[in-house]
Amino acid sequence: MSSGIIEYKDDAGRPVKFTSQDIRERLCPNATDSELALCVELCNRQHLNPFAQEVFLVKYGSAPASIITAYQVFNSRANRQPNYGGIDSGVVVLRDGEVIKKKGSAVYKVIGEQLIGGWAEVAFTDGKKPAYVELALTDYSTGKSSWAKMPGVMIEKCAKAGAWRLAYPDELRGMYTGEEMDQKVERDMRAGTQAVEAESVEPVVDLQPVRDLFKPFMAATGLDSAGAMAAICAAVGCTSGSMHDMTLMQARRAASWMEEEIAARSAHSEPAVPEPEPAPVYEPAPAEYATDDDLLGGF
């Protein structure tokens, strides 16, 4: 593994400078040299900032590490392309024996809908044929955490990532979101648990990004501390309701989700116009009347 300094500018034009050892210390202390080299190569080639939550390196025990790219990277890169015509997406459900493709992620079990997949289609403004992706739920769902709570949202995000990657392979080559990698990470976690018990080594969970975003998230959502923590834990499938019980993936996903929520609410919020203070009302002190004539006003 090279110990040289990697230096470039990320998508936002910010200078990025790091070594392989920096990634080992900050992202994945138990990664092998070859896994670090692959992560460094992806960051360098795709100009990803490993310290701005754009890429994560996740490893459990002796299982191979997973390189995961933040969902926002896909969205922002697609939107920068001159021929990008937007994306339509949704879920595939089975209703009354008929396969139906719907827009959005809602699945209505009350009318008998069964979620079976997701789809997405990227349109182009230059006449190119749209890039279409359709995915089976069973190929991606772990049946746990967010996949158990909101499977429609998860499979739709996987389909969108796949469609963006199909539409712009050079800009997104070698990059996969956490939702797409969940099954692999789940398998690695199960396999790694045995190795962890044997080696007495545990993956390091860095909660600092969650802590840094907590107050801005409260301000953006208007939630109090308890409400904000409950919302964050529900979004990433942490059933205990405490960030201290989050897994490595949950903590990283929590930070990404909080950033998305803060950005979305900031984009739609308008600065409040302060109401003018009411003008003071002059109220003369009650008159003191010395005589009955004064009380009658001179009549």
Protein backbone atom coordinates (compact mmCIF):
# COMPACT_ATOMS: atom_id res chain seq x y z
CA MET A 1 0.00 0.00 0.00
CA SER A 2 1.34 3.38 -0.96
CA SER A 3 1.87 5.84 1.86
CA GLY A 4 1.93 8.82 -0.51
CA ILE A 5 -0.33 11.83 -0.18
CA ILE A 6 -3.44 11.89 -2.37
CA GLU A 7 -4.51 15.40 -3.34
CA TYR A 8 -7.35 16.72 -5.54
CA LYS A 9 -10.54 18.82 -5.41
CA ASP A 10 -13.93 17.30 -4.62
CA ASP A 11 -17.26 18.05 -6.35
CA ALA A 12 -17.70 21.22 -4.35
CA GLY A 13 -14.26 22.50 -5.35
CA ARG A 14 -12.84 21.93 -1.88
CA PRO A 15 -9.23 20.72 -1.65
CA VAL A 16 -8.95 17.12 -0.43
CA LYS A 17 -5.68 15.81 0.94
CA PHE A 18 -5.10 12.50 2.72
CA THR A 19 -3.04 9.34 2.92
CA SER A 20 -4.10 5.71 3.14
CA GLN A 21 -3.27 5.78 6.82
CA ASP A 22 -5.69 8.70 7.29
CA ILE A 23 -8.49 6.57 5.87
CA ARG A 24 -7.50 3.67 8.08
CA GLU A 25 -7.57 5.81 11.22
CA ARG A 26 -10.70 7.81 10.38
CA LEU A 27 -12.89 5.34 8.50
CA CYS A 28 -11.93 1.72 9.07
CA PRO A 29 -9.15 0.77 11.51
CA ASN A 30 -9.35 -2.96 10.71
CA ALA A 31 -9.18 -2.69 6.91
CA THR A 32 -6.43 -4.54 5.08
CA ASP A 33 -3.85 -2.77 2.92
CA SER A 34 -5.52 -3.98 -0.28
CA GLU A 35 -8.95 -2.78 0.89
CA LEU A 36 -7.52 0.62 1.77
CA ALA A 37 -5.83 0.79 -1.63
CA LEU A 38 -9.17 0.12 -3.40
CA CYS A 39 -10.92 2.80 -1.35
CA VAL A 40 -8.16 5.32 -2.00
CA GLU A 41 -8.27 4.55 -5.72
CA LEU A 42 -12.05 5.07 -5.89
CA CYS A 43 -11.81 8.35 -3.95
CA ASN A 44 -9.01 9.59 -6.18
CA ARG A 45 -10.60 8.54 -9.47
CA GLN A 46 -14.10 9.79 -8.62
CA HIS A 47 -12.97 12.81 -6.53
CA LEU A 48 -14.90 11.67 -3.47
CA ASN A 49 -14.19 13.28 -0.11
CA PRO A 50 -13.81 10.49 2.48
CA PHE A 51 -14.02 12.99 5.34
CA ALA A 52 -17.21 14.75 4.19
CA GLN A 53 -19.37 11.60 4.49
CA GLU A 54 -19.29 10.97 0.74
CA VAL A 55 -17.72 7.52 1.02
CA PHE A 56 -17.56 4.91 3.78
CA LEU A 57 -15.40 1.83 4.27
CA VAL A 58 -17.23 -0.83 6.31
CA LYS A 59 -15.65 -4.05 7.53
CA TYR A 60 -16.77 -6.71 10.01
CA GLY A 61 -14.25 -9.18 11.35
CA SER A 62 -12.38 -10.93 8.58
CA ALA A 63 -15.11 -10.44 5.96
CA PRO A 64 -14.12 -8.31 2.93
CA ALA A 65 -14.68 -4.57 3.41
CA SER A 66 -17.51 -2.80 1.61
CA ILE A 67 -17.00 0.60 -0.06
CA ILE A 68 -20.22 2.59 0.15
CA THR A 69 -20.97 5.92 -1.52
CA ALA A 70 -23.49 8.37 -0.06
CA TYR A 71 -26.84 8.55 -1.89
CA GLN A 72 -26.53 12.36 -2.19
CA VAL A 73 -23.44 11.95 -4.40
CA PHE A 74 -25.52 10.11 -7.02
CA ASN A 75 -28.28 12.70 -6.94
CA SER A 76 -26.01 15.75 -7.16
CA ARG A 77 -23.82 14.32 -9.94
CA ALA A 78 -26.80 13.38 -12.07
CA ASN A 79 -28.30 16.84 -11.64
CA ARG A 80 -25.07 18.46 -12.86
CA GLN A 81 -25.13 16.67 -16.22
CA PRO A 82 -26.16 18.97 -19.12
CA ASN A 83 -28.48 16.38 -20.70
CA TYR A 84 -30.19 15.29 -17.47
CA GLY A 85 -33.96 15.37 -17.83
CA GLY A 86 -34.87 14.19 -14.35
CA ILE A 87 -35.82 10.81 -12.90
CA ASP A 88 -39.14 9.03 -12.41
CA SER A 89 -39.25 6.22 -9.87
CA GLY A 90 -41.53 4.06 -7.80
CA VAL A 91 -42.37 0.57 -6.62
CA VAL A 92 -43.72 -2.59 -8.21
CA VAL A 93 -46.65 -4.20 -6.37
CA LEU A 94 -48.85 -7.22 -6.77
CA ARG A 95 -52.55 -6.32 -6.48
CA ASP A 96 -55.35 -8.81 -7.16
CA GLY A 97 -52.93 -11.03 -9.06
CA GLU A 98 -51.80 -8.15 -11.32
CA VAL A 99 -48.28 -6.65 -11.38
CA ILE A 100 -48.56 -2.86 -11.15
CA LYS A 101 -45.82 -0.22 -11.40
CA LYS A 102 -46.58 2.80 -9.26
CA LYS A 103 -44.84 6.13 -8.79
CA GLY A 104 -43.58 6.81 -5.29
CA SER A 105 -42.84 4.37 -2.49
CA ALA A 106 -46.26 3.93 -0.87
CA VAL A 107 -47.61 0.39 -0.60
CA TYR A 108 -51.20 0.04 0.62
CA LYS A 109 -51.56 -3.29 2.37
CA VAL A 110 -55.11 -2.36 3.39
CA ILE A 111 -56.24 -2.88 -0.23
CA GLY A 112 -54.13 -5.98 -0.69
CA GLU A 113 -50.98 -4.55 -2.28
CA GLN A 114 -47.82 -6.63 -1.91
CA LEU A 115 -44.45 -5.01 -2.57
CA ILE A 116 -42.33 -7.03 -4.98
CA GLY A 117 -39.84 -4.55 -6.46
CA GLY A 118 -38.82 -1.06 -7.45
CA TRP A 119 -38.16 0.84 -10.70
CA ALA A 120 -36.58 4.06 -11.91
CA GLU A 121 -36.13 5.79 -15.26
CA VAL A 122 -33.72 8.62 -16.09
CA ALA A 123 -34.78 10.91 -18.94
CA PHE A 124 -32.40 12.80 -21.22
CA THR A 125 -32.88 16.16 -22.92
CA ASP A 126 -30.80 15.26 -25.99
CA GLY A 127 -33.04 12.55 -27.40
CA LYS A 128 -31.21 9.55 -25.93
CA LYS A 129 -33.27 6.52 -24.95
CA PRO A 130 -34.17 6.71 -21.23
CA ALA A 131 -32.12 4.62 -18.79
CA TYR A 132 -34.53 2.21 -17.08
CA VAL A 133 -33.86 -0.08 -14.12
CA GLU A 134 -36.26 -2.49 -12.42
CA LEU A 135 -35.27 -4.46 -9.32
CA ALA A 136 -36.74 -7.37 -7.37
CA LEU A 137 -37.22 -6.75 -3.65
CA THR A 138 -35.83 -10.17 -2.75
CA ASP A 139 -32.50 -9.31 -4.38
CA TYR A 140 -31.88 -6.41 -2.00
CA SER A 141 -34.00 -6.58 1.16
CA THR A 142 -32.47 -7.87 4.40
CA GLY A 143 -35.87 -7.90 6.09
CA LYS A 144 -34.36 -5.97 8.99
CA SER A 145 -34.01 -2.39 10.21
CA SER A 146 -35.11 0.08 7.53
CA TRP A 147 -35.94 -2.75 5.14
CA ALA A 148 -38.52 -3.99 7.65
CA LYS A 149 -39.91 -0.52 8.46
CA MET A 150 -39.98 1.13 5.02
CA PRO A 151 -39.15 -1.41 2.29
CA GLY A 152 -40.79 0.71 -0.43
CA VAL A 153 -38.50 3.66 0.26
CA MET A 154 -35.43 1.41 0.33
CA ILE A 155 -36.07 -0.50 -2.92
CA GLU A 156 -36.99 2.73 -4.73
CA LYS A 157 -33.67 4.29 -3.65
CA CYS A 158 -31.81 1.22 -4.93
CA ALA A 159 -33.59 1.52 -8.28
CA LYS A 160 -32.78 5.23 -8.55
CA ALA A 161 -29.10 4.62 -7.80
CA GLY A 162 -29.03 1.88 -10.45
CA ALA A 163 -30.71 4.10 -13.05
CA TRP A 164 -28.36 7.01 -12.36
CA ARG A 165 -25.37 4.69 -12.67
CA LEU A 166 -26.72 3.26 -15.94
CA ALA A 167 -27.32 6.76 -17.29
CA TYR A 168 -23.91 8.14 -16.31
CA PRO A 169 -21.45 5.25 -15.99
CA ASP A 170 -18.30 7.37 -16.13
CA GLU A 171 -19.43 9.71 -13.37
CA LEU A 172 -20.70 6.90 -11.10
CA ARG A 173 -18.60 3.87 -12.05
CA GLY A 174 -17.68 1.66 -9.10
CA MET A 175 -20.00 3.52 -6.71
CA TYR A 176 -22.82 1.83 -4.76
CA THR A 177 -25.14 3.20 -2.10
CA GLY A 178 -25.64 1.76 1.37
CA GLU A 179 -29.14 0.55 0.41
CA GLU A 180 -27.68 -1.44 -2.49
CA MET A 181 -25.01 -2.96 -0.25
CA ASP A 182 -27.19 -3.82 2.75
CA GLN A 183 -27.48 -7.53 1.97
CA LYS A 184 -23.72 -7.89 1.60
CA VAL A 185 -23.06 -5.89 4.78
CA GLU A 186 -25.62 -8.01 6.66
CA ARG A 187 -23.89 -11.21 5.53
CA ASP A 188 -20.50 -9.76 6.42
CA MET A 189 -21.79 -8.69 9.82
CA ARG A 190 -23.06 -12.20 10.60
CA ALA A 191 -19.81 -13.76 9.40
CA GLY A 192 -17.75 -11.12 11.12
CA THR A 193 -19.51 -11.57 14.46
CA GLN A 194 -17.93 -14.99 14.90
CA ALA A 195 -14.51 -13.65 13.97
CA VAL A 196 -14.98 -10.68 16.27
CA GLU A 197 -15.80 -12.95 19.18
CA ALA A 198 -12.74 -15.04 18.45
CA GLU A 199 -10.43 -12.04 18.01
CA SER A 200 -12.06 -9.76 20.63
CA VAL A 201 -12.11 -6.96 18.08
CA GLU A 202 -15.16 -4.78 17.45
CA PRO A 203 -15.84 -2.33 14.62
CA VAL A 204 -15.38 1.24 15.78
CA VAL A 205 -18.62 3.26 15.80
CA ASP A 206 -17.89 6.95 15.33
CA LEU A 207 -20.85 8.93 16.70
CA GLN A 208 -19.24 12.34 16.32
CA PRO A 209 -20.89 13.11 12.92
CA VAL A 210 -24.29 12.37 14.48
CA ARG A 211 -23.53 14.60 17.46
CA ASP A 212 -22.32 17.43 15.20
CA LEU A 213 -25.57 17.38 13.21
CA PHE A 214 -27.91 16.90 16.16
CA LYS A 215 -28.51 20.56 17.07
CA PRO A 216 -28.86 21.70 13.42
CA PHE A 217 -31.33 18.83 12.91
CA MET A 218 -33.36 19.93 15.96
CA ALA A 219 -33.41 23.52 14.69
CA ALA A 220 -34.48 22.46 11.17
CA THR A 221 -37.24 20.10 12.32
CA GLY A 222 -38.45 22.00 15.38
CA LEU A 223 -38.20 18.82 17.46
CA ASP A 224 -36.97 18.71 21.02
CA SER A 225 -34.05 16.51 22.01
CA ALA A 226 -36.12 13.42 22.74
CA GLY A 227 -38.23 13.80 19.60
CA ALA A 228 -35.18 14.33 17.38
CA MET A 229 -33.44 11.25 18.77
CA ALA A 230 -36.59 9.15 18.30
CA ALA A 231 -36.92 10.31 14.67
CA ILE A 232 -33.27 9.59 13.87
CA CYS A 233 -33.33 6.13 15.43
CA ALA A 234 -36.58 5.25 13.65
CA ALA A 235 -35.11 6.34 10.30
CA VAL A 236 -32.11 4.00 10.62
CA GLY A 237 -33.80 1.12 12.46
CA CYS A 238 -32.15 1.54 15.86
CA THR A 239 -34.85 0.01 18.07
CA SER A 240 -33.36 1.06 21.41
CA GLY A 241 -33.92 4.76 20.68
CA SER A 242 -30.36 5.68 21.68
CA MET A 243 -27.53 6.65 19.35
CA HIS A 244 -25.11 4.80 21.62
CA ASP A 245 -26.66 1.50 20.52
CA MET A 246 -26.30 2.22 16.78
CA THR A 247 -24.27 -0.08 14.59
CA LEU A 248 -21.53 1.30 12.39
CA MET A 249 -23.84 1.38 9.36
CA GLN A 250 -26.71 2.90 11.33
CA ALA A 251 -24.51 5.73 12.63
CA ARG A 252 -23.23 6.56 9.16
CA ARG A 253 -26.70 6.36 7.65
CA ALA A 254 -28.06 8.55 10.46
CA ALA A 255 -25.59 11.31 9.62
CA SER A 256 -26.48 11.13 5.92
CA TRP A 257 -30.21 11.13 6.63
CA MET A 258 -29.92 14.11 8.99
CA GLU A 259 -28.01 16.06 6.33
CA GLU A 260 -30.75 15.29 3.77
CA GLU A 261 -33.49 16.39 6.17
CA ILE A 262 -31.69 19.61 7.11
CA ALA A 263 -31.05 20.47 3.46
CA ALA A 264 -34.62 19.64 2.39
CA ARG A 265 -36.21 21.72 5.12
CA SER A 266 -33.83 24.62 4.56
CA ALA A 267 -34.67 24.65 0.86
CA HIS A 268 -38.39 24.96 1.55
CA SER A 269 -38.28 27.30 4.50
CA GLU A 270 -38.82 31.03 4.03
CA PRO A 271 -37.43 33.63 6.36
CA ALA A 272 -40.05 34.68 8.83
CA VAL A 273 -41.17 38.28 8.54
CA PRO A 274 -41.32 39.78 12.01
CA GLU A 275 -44.72 41.16 12.87
CA PRO A 276 -44.70 44.89 13.63
CA GLU A 277 -45.11 45.65 17.26
CA PRO A 278 -48.47 47.27 18.01
CA ALA A 279 -48.37 51.03 18.54
CA PRO A 280 -48.75 51.98 22.17
CA VAL A 281 -52.29 53.03 23.05
CA TYR A 282 -52.53 56.23 25.01
CA GLU A 283 -54.84 55.85 27.96
CA PRO A 284 -55.26 59.04 30.02
CA ALA A 285 -55.38 58.63 33.72
CA PRO A 286 -58.91 58.74 35.14
CA ALA A 287 -60.00 62.29 35.90
CA GLU A 288 -60.54 63.21 39.48
CA TYR A 289 -63.74 65.14 39.88
CA ALA A 290 -64.09 67.57 42.81
CA THR A 291 -67.78 68.35 42.38
CA ASP A 292 -71.00 66.96 41.02
CA ASP A 293 -70.85 69.53 38.21
CA ASP A 294 -67.58 68.08 37.05
CA LEU A 295 -69.09 64.60 36.91
CA LEU A 296 -71.98 65.86 34.77
CA GLY A 297 -69.70 67.68 32.37
CA GLY A 298 -71.11 71.09 33.21
CA PHE A 299 -74.77 70.24 32.57
